[in-house]
PDB file of all heavy atoms in Angstrom:
ATOM      1  N   SER A   1     -14.768  -5.720  -3.990  1.00  0.00           N
ATOM      2  CA  SER A   1     -16.187  -5.352  -3.987  1.00  0.00           C
ATOM      3  C   SER A   1     -16.332  -3.844  -3.827  1.00  0.00           C
ATOM      4  O   SER A   1     -15.384  -3.150  -3.458  1.00  0.00           O
ATOM      5  CB  SER A   1     -16.924  -6.086  -2.864  1.00  0.00           C
ATOM      6  OG  SER A   1     -16.387  -5.718  -1.612  1.00  0.00           O
ATOM      7  N   GLY A   2     -17.518  -3.353  -4.121  1.00  0.00           N
ATOM      8  CA  GLY A   2     -17.798  -1.928  -3.985  1.00  0.00           C
ATOM      9  C   GLY A   2     -17.291  -1.119  -5.169  1.00  0.00           C
ATOM     10  O   GLY A   2     -16.817  -1.656  -6.162  1.00  0.00           O
ATOM     11  N   ASP A   3     -17.399   0.197  -5.024  1.00  0.00           N
ATOM     12  CA  ASP A   3     -17.022   1.106  -6.106  1.00  0.00           C
ATOM     13  C   ASP A   3     -15.517   1.285  -6.221  1.00  0.00           C
ATOM     14  O   ASP A   3     -15.036   1.759  -7.241  1.00  0.00           O
ATOM     15  CB  ASP A   3     -17.664   2.476  -5.894  1.00  0.00           C
ATOM     16  CG  ASP A   3     -19.185   2.430  -6.031  1.00  0.00           C
ATOM     17  OD1 ASP A   3     -19.678   1.530  -6.745  1.00  0.00           O
ATOM     18  OD2 ASP A   3     -19.857   3.268  -5.415  1.00  0.00           O
ATOM     19  N   LEU A   4     -14.769   0.986  -5.201  1.00  0.00           N
ATOM     20  CA  LEU A   4     -13.325   1.235  -5.187  1.00  0.00           C
ATOM     21  C   LEU A   4     -12.507  -0.042  -5.316  1.00  0.00           C
ATOM     22  O   LEU A   4     -11.536  -0.245  -4.595  1.00  0.00           O
ATOM     23  CB  LEU A   4     -12.938   1.998  -3.919  1.00  0.00           C
ATOM     24  CG  LEU A   4     -13.597   3.367  -3.747  1.00  0.00           C
ATOM     25  CD1 LEU A   4     -13.218   3.984  -2.416  1.00  0.00           C
ATOM     26  CD2 LEU A   4     -13.228   4.297  -4.898  1.00  0.00           C
ATOM     27  N   GLN A   5     -12.893  -0.915  -6.250  1.00  0.00           N
ATOM     28  CA  GLN A   5     -12.125  -2.135  -6.462  1.00  0.00           C
ATOM     29  C   GLN A   5     -10.726  -1.765  -6.928  1.00  0.00           C
ATOM     30  O   GLN A   5     -10.560  -0.893  -7.769  1.00  0.00           O
ATOM     31  CB  GLN A   5     -12.816  -3.022  -7.489  1.00  0.00           C
ATOM     32  CG  GLN A   5     -14.152  -3.536  -6.999  1.00  0.00           C
ATOM     33  CD  GLN A   5     -14.792  -4.480  -7.972  1.00  0.00           C
ATOM     34  OE1 GLN A   5     -14.112  -5.232  -8.652  1.00  0.00           O
ATOM     35  NE2 GLN A   5     -16.108  -4.450  -8.035  1.00  0.00           N
ATOM     36  N   ARG A   6      -9.746  -2.430  -6.339  1.00  0.00           N
ATOM     37  CA  ARG A   6      -8.352  -2.103  -6.650  1.00  0.00           C
ATOM     38  C   ARG A   6      -7.417  -3.131  -6.061  1.00  0.00           C
ATOM     39  O   ARG A   6      -7.797  -3.910  -5.200  1.00  0.00           O
ATOM     40  CB  ARG A   6      -7.997  -0.721  -6.102  1.00  0.00           C
ATOM     41  CG  ARG A   6      -8.125  -0.646  -4.592  1.00  0.00           C
ATOM     42  CD  ARG A   6      -8.023   0.752  -4.021  1.00  0.00           C
ATOM     43  NE  ARG A   6      -9.049   1.584  -4.588  1.00  0.00           N
ATOM     44  CZ  ARG A   6      -8.901   2.878  -4.851  1.00  0.00           C
ATOM     45  NH1 ARG A   6      -7.794   3.479  -4.548  1.00  0.00           N
ATOM     46  NH2 ARG A   6      -9.869   3.566  -5.385  1.00  0.00           N
ATOM     47  N   SER A   7      -6.174  -3.090  -6.522  1.00  0.00           N
ATOM     48  CA  SER A   7      -5.132  -3.943  -5.950  1.00  0.00           C
ATOM     49  C   SER A   7      -4.694  -3.359  -4.611  1.00  0.00           C
ATOM     50  O   SER A   7      -4.951  -2.188  -4.295  1.00  0.00           O
ATOM     51  CB  SER A   7      -3.925  -4.007  -6.892  1.00  0.00           C
ATOM     52  OG  SER A   7      -3.271  -2.752  -6.928  1.00  0.00           O
ATOM     53  N   LEU A   8      -4.003  -4.155  -3.845  1.00  0.00           N
ATOM     54  CA  LEU A   8      -3.492  -3.672  -2.565  1.00  0.00           C
ATOM     55  C   LEU A   8      -2.419  -2.597  -2.742  1.00  0.00           C
ATOM     56  O   LEU A   8      -2.397  -1.636  -1.967  1.00  0.00           O
ATOM     57  CB  LEU A   8      -2.988  -4.841  -1.717  1.00  0.00           C
ATOM     58  CG  LEU A   8      -4.079  -5.847  -1.312  1.00  0.00           C
ATOM     59  CD1 LEU A   8      -3.501  -6.936  -0.426  1.00  0.00           C
ATOM     60  CD2 LEU A   8      -5.259  -5.173  -0.654  1.00  0.00           C
ATOM     61  N   PRO A   9      -1.529  -2.697  -3.757  1.00  0.00           N
ATOM     62  CA  PRO A   9      -0.580  -1.591  -3.939  1.00  0.00           C
ATOM     63  C   PRO A   9      -1.277  -0.259  -4.254  1.00  0.00           C
ATOM     64  O   PRO A   9      -0.875   0.788  -3.750  1.00  0.00           O
ATOM     65  CB  PRO A   9       0.280  -2.046  -5.115  1.00  0.00           C
ATOM     66  CG  PRO A   9       0.231  -3.528  -5.058  1.00  0.00           C
ATOM     67  CD  PRO A   9      -1.167  -3.838  -4.599  1.00  0.00           C
ATOM     68  N   ARG A  10      -2.339  -0.303  -5.056  1.00  0.00           N
ATOM     69  CA  ARG A  10      -3.048   0.957  -5.355  1.00  0.00           C
ATOM     70  C   ARG A  10      -3.759   1.463  -4.104  1.00  0.00           C
ATOM     71  O   ARG A  10      -3.807   2.668  -3.852  1.00  0.00           O
ATOM     72  CB  ARG A  10      -4.028   0.769  -6.506  1.00  0.00           C
ATOM     73  CG  ARG A  10      -4.629   2.098  -6.948  1.00  0.00           C
ATOM     74  CD  ARG A  10      -5.132   2.101  -8.378  1.00  0.00           C
ATOM     75  NE  ARG A  10      -6.112   1.100  -8.677  1.00  0.00           N
ATOM     76  CZ  ARG A  10      -7.399   1.351  -8.938  1.00  0.00           C
ATOM     77  NH1 ARG A  10      -7.856   2.589  -8.932  1.00  0.00           N
ATOM     78  NH2 ARG A  10      -8.211   0.372  -9.231  1.00  0.00           N
ATOM     79  N   LEU A  11      -4.287   0.559  -3.281  1.00  0.00           N
ATOM     80  CA  LEU A  11      -4.867   0.962  -1.998  1.00  0.00           C
ATOM     81  C   LEU A  11      -3.802   1.668  -1.156  1.00  0.00           C
ATOM     82  O   LEU A  11      -4.042   2.730  -0.589  1.00  0.00           O
ATOM     83  CB  LEU A  11      -5.404  -0.264  -1.250  1.00  0.00           C
ATOM     84  CG  LEU A  11      -5.865  -0.027   0.189  1.00  0.00           C
ATOM     85  CD1 LEU A  11      -7.134   0.828   0.201  1.00  0.00           C
ATOM     86  CD2 LEU A  11      -6.093  -1.349   0.891  1.00  0.00           C
ATOM     87  N   ALA A  12      -2.607   1.091  -1.096  1.00  0.00           N
ATOM     88  CA  ALA A  12      -1.521   1.674  -0.301  1.00  0.00           C
ATOM     89  C   ALA A  12      -1.099   3.037  -0.834  1.00  0.00           C
ATOM     90  O   ALA A  12      -0.685   3.908  -0.059  1.00  0.00           O
ATOM     91  CB  ALA A  12      -0.322   0.726  -0.283  1.00  0.00           C
ATOM     92  N   MET A  13      -1.223   3.234  -2.137  1.00  0.00           N
ATOM     93  CA  MET A  13      -0.817   4.503  -2.748  1.00  0.00           C
ATOM     94  C   MET A  13      -1.870   5.599  -2.588  1.00  0.00           C
ATOM     95  O   MET A  13      -1.561   6.786  -2.744  1.00  0.00           O
ATOM     96  CB  MET A  13      -0.543   4.291  -4.239  1.00  0.00           C
ATOM     97  CG  MET A  13       0.627   3.381  -4.513  1.00  0.00           C
ATOM     98  SD  MET A  13       0.739   2.930  -6.253  1.00  0.00           S
ATOM     99  CE  MET A  13       1.446   4.426  -6.932  1.00  0.00           C
ATOM    100  N   THR A  14      -3.102   5.219  -2.264  1.00  0.00           N
ATOM    101  CA  THR A  14      -4.193   6.198  -2.264  1.00  0.00           C
ATOM    102  C   THR A  14      -4.768   6.502  -0.887  1.00  0.00           C
ATOM    103  O   THR A  14      -5.694   7.302  -0.776  1.00  0.00           O
ATOM    104  CB  THR A  14      -5.332   5.727  -3.192  1.00  0.00           C
ATOM    105  OG1 THR A  14      -5.785   4.437  -2.765  1.00  0.00           O
ATOM    106  CG2 THR A  14      -4.870   5.660  -4.639  1.00  0.00           C
ATOM    107  N   GLN A  15      -4.247   5.877   0.158  1.00  0.00           N
ATOM    108  CA  GLN A  15      -4.727   6.165   1.512  1.00  0.00           C
ATOM    109  C   GLN A  15      -3.547   6.620   2.369  1.00  0.00           C
ATOM    110  O   GLN A  15      -2.498   5.964   2.396  1.00  0.00           O
ATOM    111  CB  GLN A  15      -5.411   4.942   2.115  1.00  0.00           C
ATOM    112  CG  GLN A  15      -6.719   4.628   1.407  1.00  0.00           C
ATOM    113  CD  GLN A  15      -7.544   3.610   2.148  1.00  0.00           C
ATOM    114  OE1 GLN A  15      -7.100   2.991   3.107  1.00  0.00           O
ATOM    115  NE2 GLN A  15      -8.776   3.429   1.701  1.00  0.00           N
ATOM    116  N   SER A  16      -3.734   7.710   3.095  1.00  0.00           N
ATOM    117  CA  SER A  16      -2.618   8.381   3.760  1.00  0.00           C
ATOM    118  C   SER A  16      -1.848   7.490   4.732  1.00  0.00           C
ATOM    119  O   SER A  16      -0.623   7.508   4.745  1.00  0.00           O
ATOM    120  CB  SER A  16      -3.104   9.642   4.469  1.00  0.00           C
ATOM    121  OG  SER A  16      -4.043   9.312   5.472  1.00  0.00           O
ATOM    122  N   GLY A  17      -2.515   6.712   5.556  1.00  0.00           N
ATOM    123  CA  GLY A  17      -1.811   5.849   6.512  1.00  0.00           C
ATOM    124  C   GLY A  17      -0.909   4.840   5.819  1.00  0.00           C
ATOM    125  O   GLY A  17       0.238   4.637   6.205  1.00  0.00           O
ATOM    126  N   TRP A  18      -1.439   4.243   4.765  1.00  0.00           N
ATOM    127  CA  TRP A  18      -0.656   3.262   4.023  1.00  0.00           C
ATOM    128  C   TRP A  18       0.491   3.920   3.268  1.00  0.00           C
ATOM    129  O   TRP A  18       1.541   3.333   3.086  1.00  0.00           O
ATOM    130  CB  TRP A  18      -1.534   2.469   3.057  1.00  0.00           C
ATOM    131  CG  TRP A  18      -2.501   1.556   3.738  1.00  0.00           C
ATOM    132  CD1 TRP A  18      -3.858   1.631   3.697  1.00  0.00           C
ATOM    133  CD2 TRP A  18      -2.191   0.435   4.566  1.00  0.00           C
ATOM    134  NE1 TRP A  18      -4.417   0.622   4.455  1.00  0.00           N
ATOM    135  CE2 TRP A  18      -3.412  -0.132   5.002  1.00  0.00           C
ATOM    136  CE3 TRP A  18      -1.007  -0.151   5.004  1.00  0.00           C
ATOM    137  CZ2 TRP A  18      -3.492  -1.236   5.827  1.00  0.00           C
ATOM    138  CZ3 TRP A  18      -1.083  -1.275   5.829  1.00  0.00           C
ATOM    139  CH2 TRP A  18      -2.301  -1.796   6.231  1.00  0.00           C
ATOM    140  N   ARG A  19       0.295   5.172   2.800  1.00  0.00           N
ATOM    141  CA  ARG A  19       1.373   5.877   2.089  1.00  0.00           C
ATOM    142  C   ARG A  19       2.566   6.122   3.000  1.00  0.00           C
ATOM    143  O   ARG A  19       3.677   6.316   2.524  1.00  0.00           O
ATOM    144  CB  ARG A  19       0.868   7.208   1.524  1.00  0.00           C
ATOM    145  CG  ARG A  19       0.071   7.061   0.263  1.00  0.00           C
ATOM    146  CD  ARG A  19      -0.085   8.377  -0.484  1.00  0.00           C
ATOM    147  NE  ARG A  19      -0.588   9.459   0.325  1.00  0.00           N
ATOM    148  CZ  ARG A  19      -1.866   9.869   0.344  1.00  0.00           C
ATOM    149  NH1 ARG A  19      -2.759   9.263  -0.408  1.00  0.00           N
ATOM    150  NH2 ARG A  19      -2.222  10.875   1.093  1.00  0.00           N
ATOM    151  N   THR A  20       2.357   6.112   4.303  1.00  0.00           N
ATOM    152  CA  THR A  20       3.453   6.273   5.255  1.00  0.00           C
ATOM    153  C   THR A  20       4.115   4.943   5.578  1.00  0.00           C
ATOM    154  O   THR A  20       5.341   4.824   5.568  1.00  0.00           O
ATOM    155  CB  THR A  20       2.921   6.911   6.565  1.00  0.00           C
ATOM    156  OG1 THR A  20       2.323   8.159   6.251  1.00  0.00           O
ATOM    157  CG2 THR A  20       4.033   7.104   7.573  1.00  0.00           C
ATOM    158  N   VAL A  21       3.311   3.935   5.841  1.00  0.00           N
ATOM    159  CA  VAL A  21       3.834   2.641   6.319  1.00  0.00           C
ATOM    160  C   VAL A  21       4.475   1.820   5.204  1.00  0.00           C
ATOM    161  O   VAL A  21       5.552   1.244   5.384  1.00  0.00           O
ATOM    162  CB  VAL A  21       2.709   1.833   7.011  1.00  0.00           C
ATOM    163  CG1 VAL A  21       3.178   0.434   7.345  1.00  0.00           C
ATOM    164  CG2 VAL A  21       2.257   2.552   8.274  1.00  0.00           C
ATOM    165  N   THR A  22       3.840   1.745   4.034  1.00  0.00           N
ATOM    166  CA  THR A  22       4.325   0.871   2.968  1.00  0.00           C
ATOM    167  C   THR A  22       5.751   1.188   2.521  1.00  0.00           C
ATOM    168  O   THR A  22       6.570   0.271   2.415  1.00  0.00           O
ATOM    169  CB  THR A  22       3.342   0.859   1.790  1.00  0.00           C
ATOM    170  OG1 THR A  22       2.051   0.459   2.284  1.00  0.00           O
ATOM    171  CG2 THR A  22       3.776  -0.114   0.713  1.00  0.00           C
ATOM    172  N   PRO A  23       6.109   2.452   2.278  1.00  0.00           N
ATOM    173  CA  PRO A  23       7.505   2.725   1.905  1.00  0.00           C
ATOM    174  C   PRO A  23       8.492   2.346   3.013  1.00  0.00           C
ATOM    175  O   PRO A  23       9.623   1.948   2.740  1.00  0.00           O
ATOM    176  CB  PRO A  23       7.527   4.236   1.653  1.00  0.00           C
ATOM    177  CG  PRO A  23       6.119   4.601   1.368  1.00  0.00           C
ATOM    178  CD  PRO A  23       5.281   3.655   2.158  1.00  0.00           C
ATOM    179  N   MET A  24       8.042   2.462   4.265  1.00  0.00           N
ATOM    180  CA  MET A  24       8.892   2.056   5.392  1.00  0.00           C
ATOM    181  C   MET A  24       9.230   0.567   5.313  1.00  0.00           C
ATOM    182  O   MET A  24      10.358   0.161   5.593  1.00  0.00           O
ATOM    183  CB  MET A  24       8.156   2.334   6.714  1.00  0.00           C
ATOM    184  CG  MET A  24       8.917   3.194   7.659  1.00  0.00           C
ATOM    185  SD  MET A  24       7.996   3.627   9.170  1.00  0.00           S
ATOM    186  CE  MET A  24       6.735   2.422   9.398  1.00  0.00           C
ATOM    187  N   LEU A  25       8.251  -0.238   4.930  1.00  0.00           N
ATOM    188  CA  LEU A  25       8.489  -1.677   4.800  1.00  0.00           C
ATOM    189  C   LEU A  25       9.579  -1.934   3.769  1.00  0.00           C
ATOM    190  O   LEU A  25      10.544  -2.660   4.034  1.00  0.00           O
ATOM    191  CB  LEU A  25       7.214  -2.414   4.385  1.00  0.00           C
ATOM    192  CG  LEU A  25       6.060  -2.438   5.373  1.00  0.00           C
ATOM    193  CD1 LEU A  25       4.851  -3.116   4.749  1.00  0.00           C
ATOM    194  CD2 LEU A  25       6.458  -3.116   6.660  1.00  0.00           C
ATOM    195  N   TYR A  26       9.417  -1.365   2.587  1.00  0.00           N
ATOM    196  CA  TYR A  26      10.373  -1.591   1.505  1.00  0.00           C
ATOM    197  C   TYR A  26      11.759  -1.056   1.861  1.00  0.00           C
ATOM    198  O   TYR A  26      12.762  -1.682   1.538  1.00  0.00           O
ATOM    199  CB  TYR A  26       9.848  -1.002   0.196  1.00  0.00           C
ATOM    200  CG  TYR A  26       8.731  -1.836  -0.365  1.00  0.00           C
ATOM    201  CD1 TYR A  26       7.404  -1.557  -0.070  1.00  0.00           C
ATOM    202  CD2 TYR A  26       9.000  -2.951  -1.151  1.00  0.00           C
ATOM    203  CE1 TYR A  26       6.378  -2.347  -0.563  1.00  0.00           C
ATOM    204  CE2 TYR A  26       7.989  -3.749  -1.642  1.00  0.00           C
ATOM    205  CZ  TYR A  26       6.675  -3.438  -1.346  1.00  0.00           C
ATOM    206  OH  TYR A  26       5.668  -4.232  -1.821  1.00  0.00           O
ATOM    207  N   ALA A  27      11.823   0.089   2.541  1.00  0.00           N
ATOM    208  CA  ALA A  27      13.114   0.664   2.939  1.00  0.00           C
ATOM    209  C   ALA A  27      13.833  -0.231   3.945  1.00  0.00           C
ATOM    210  O   ALA A  27      15.049  -0.161   4.087  1.00  0.00           O
ATOM    211  CB  ALA A  27      12.909   2.058   3.528  1.00  0.00           C
ATOM    212  N   ASN A  28      13.074  -1.081   4.637  1.00  0.00           N
ATOM    213  CA  ASN A  28      13.651  -1.988   5.632  1.00  0.00           C
ATOM    214  C   ASN A  28      13.674  -3.432   5.148  1.00  0.00           C
ATOM    215  O   ASN A  28      13.624  -4.363   5.948  1.00  0.00           O
ATOM    216  CB  ASN A  28      12.888  -1.861   6.950  1.00  0.00           C
ATOM    217  CG  ASN A  28      13.218  -0.568   7.646  1.00  0.00           C
ATOM    218  OD1 ASN A  28      14.303  -0.402   8.180  1.00  0.00           O
ATOM    219  ND2 ASN A  28      12.307   0.386   7.595  1.00  0.00           N
ATOM    220  N   ASN A  29      13.739  -3.621   3.822  1.00  0.00           N
ATOM    221  CA  ASN A  29      13.869  -4.952   3.217  1.00  0.00           C
ATOM    222  C   ASN A  29      12.725  -5.885   3.573  1.00  0.00           C
ATOM    223  O   ASN A  29      12.928  -7.068   3.829  1.00  0.00           O
ATOM    224  CB  ASN A  29      15.218  -5.582   3.590  1.00  0.00           C
ATOM    225  CG  ASN A  29      16.362  -4.814   3.013  1.00  0.00           C
ATOM    226  OD1 ASN A  29      16.358  -4.494   1.826  1.00  0.00           O
ATOM    227  ND2 ASN A  29      17.333  -4.482   3.838  1.00  0.00           N
ATOM    228  N   GLN A  30      11.523  -5.346   3.577  1.00  0.00           N
ATOM    229  CA  GLN A  30      10.330  -6.161   3.761  1.00  0.00           C
ATOM    230  C   GLN A  30       9.537  -6.056   2.459  1.00  0.00           C
ATOM    231  O   GLN A  30       8.786  -5.113   2.250  1.00  0.00           O
ATOM    232  CB  GLN A  30       9.550  -5.696   4.981  1.00  0.00           C
ATOM    233  CG  GLN A  30      10.398  -5.878   6.234  1.00  0.00           C
ATOM    234  CD  GLN A  30       9.653  -5.634   7.520  1.00  0.00           C
ATOM    235  OE1 GLN A  30       8.429  -5.568   7.561  1.00  0.00           O
ATOM    236  NE2 GLN A  30      10.410  -5.519   8.586  1.00  0.00           N
ATOM    237  N   ILE A  31       9.752  -7.041   1.592  1.00  0.00           N
ATOM    238  CA  ILE A  31       9.244  -7.012   0.231  1.00  0.00           C
ATOM    239  C   ILE A  31       8.019  -7.919   0.117  1.00  0.00           C
ATOM    240  O   ILE A  31       8.089  -9.110   0.421  1.00  0.00           O
ATOM    241  CB  ILE A  31      10.330  -7.480  -0.772  1.00  0.00           C
ATOM    242  CG1 ILE A  31      11.641  -6.716  -0.559  1.00  0.00           C
ATOM    243  CG2 ILE A  31       9.827  -7.383  -2.197  1.00  0.00           C
ATOM    244  CD1 ILE A  31      11.551  -5.227  -0.709  1.00  0.00           C
ATOM    245  N   TYR A  32       6.916  -7.334  -0.346  1.00  0.00           N
ATOM    246  CA  TYR A  32       5.667  -8.079  -0.516  1.00  0.00           C
ATOM    247  C   TYR A  32       5.238  -8.020  -1.977  1.00  0.00           C
ATOM    248  O   TYR A  32       5.435  -7.018  -2.650  1.00  0.00           O
ATOM    249  CB  TYR A  32       4.558  -7.505   0.378  1.00  0.00           C
ATOM    250  CG  TYR A  32       4.779  -7.823   1.836  1.00  0.00           C
ATOM    251  CD1 TYR A  32       5.586  -7.012   2.623  1.00  0.00           C
ATOM    252  CD2 TYR A  32       4.211  -8.949   2.410  1.00  0.00           C
ATOM    253  CE1 TYR A  32       5.808  -7.312   3.955  1.00  0.00           C
ATOM    254  CE2 TYR A  32       4.425  -9.261   3.746  1.00  0.00           C
ATOM    255  CZ  TYR A  32       5.226  -8.435   4.506  1.00  0.00           C
ATOM    256  OH  TYR A  32       5.443  -8.741   5.823  1.00  0.00           O
ATOM    257  N   VAL A  33       4.626  -9.096  -2.432  1.00  0.00           N
ATOM    258  CA  VAL A  33       4.153  -9.211  -3.809  1.00  0.00           C
ATOM    259  C   VAL A  33       2.631  -9.340  -3.764  1.00  0.00           C
ATOM    260  O   VAL A  33       2.084 -10.129  -2.997  1.00  0.00           O
ATOM    261  CB  VAL A  33       4.772 -10.459  -4.500  1.00  0.00           C
ATOM    262  CG1 VAL A  33       4.261 -10.610  -5.908  1.00  0.00           C
ATOM    263  CG2 VAL A  33       6.294 -10.368  -4.469  1.00  0.00           C
TER     264      VAL A  33
END
């Protein structure tokens, strides 16, 4: 909803907090689809 409709990966790529945490998950074998 709203003007910023997007997938969760794009949300993670465009907000600073998520840009830090999300790569940490993948680097530690925590894979989400």
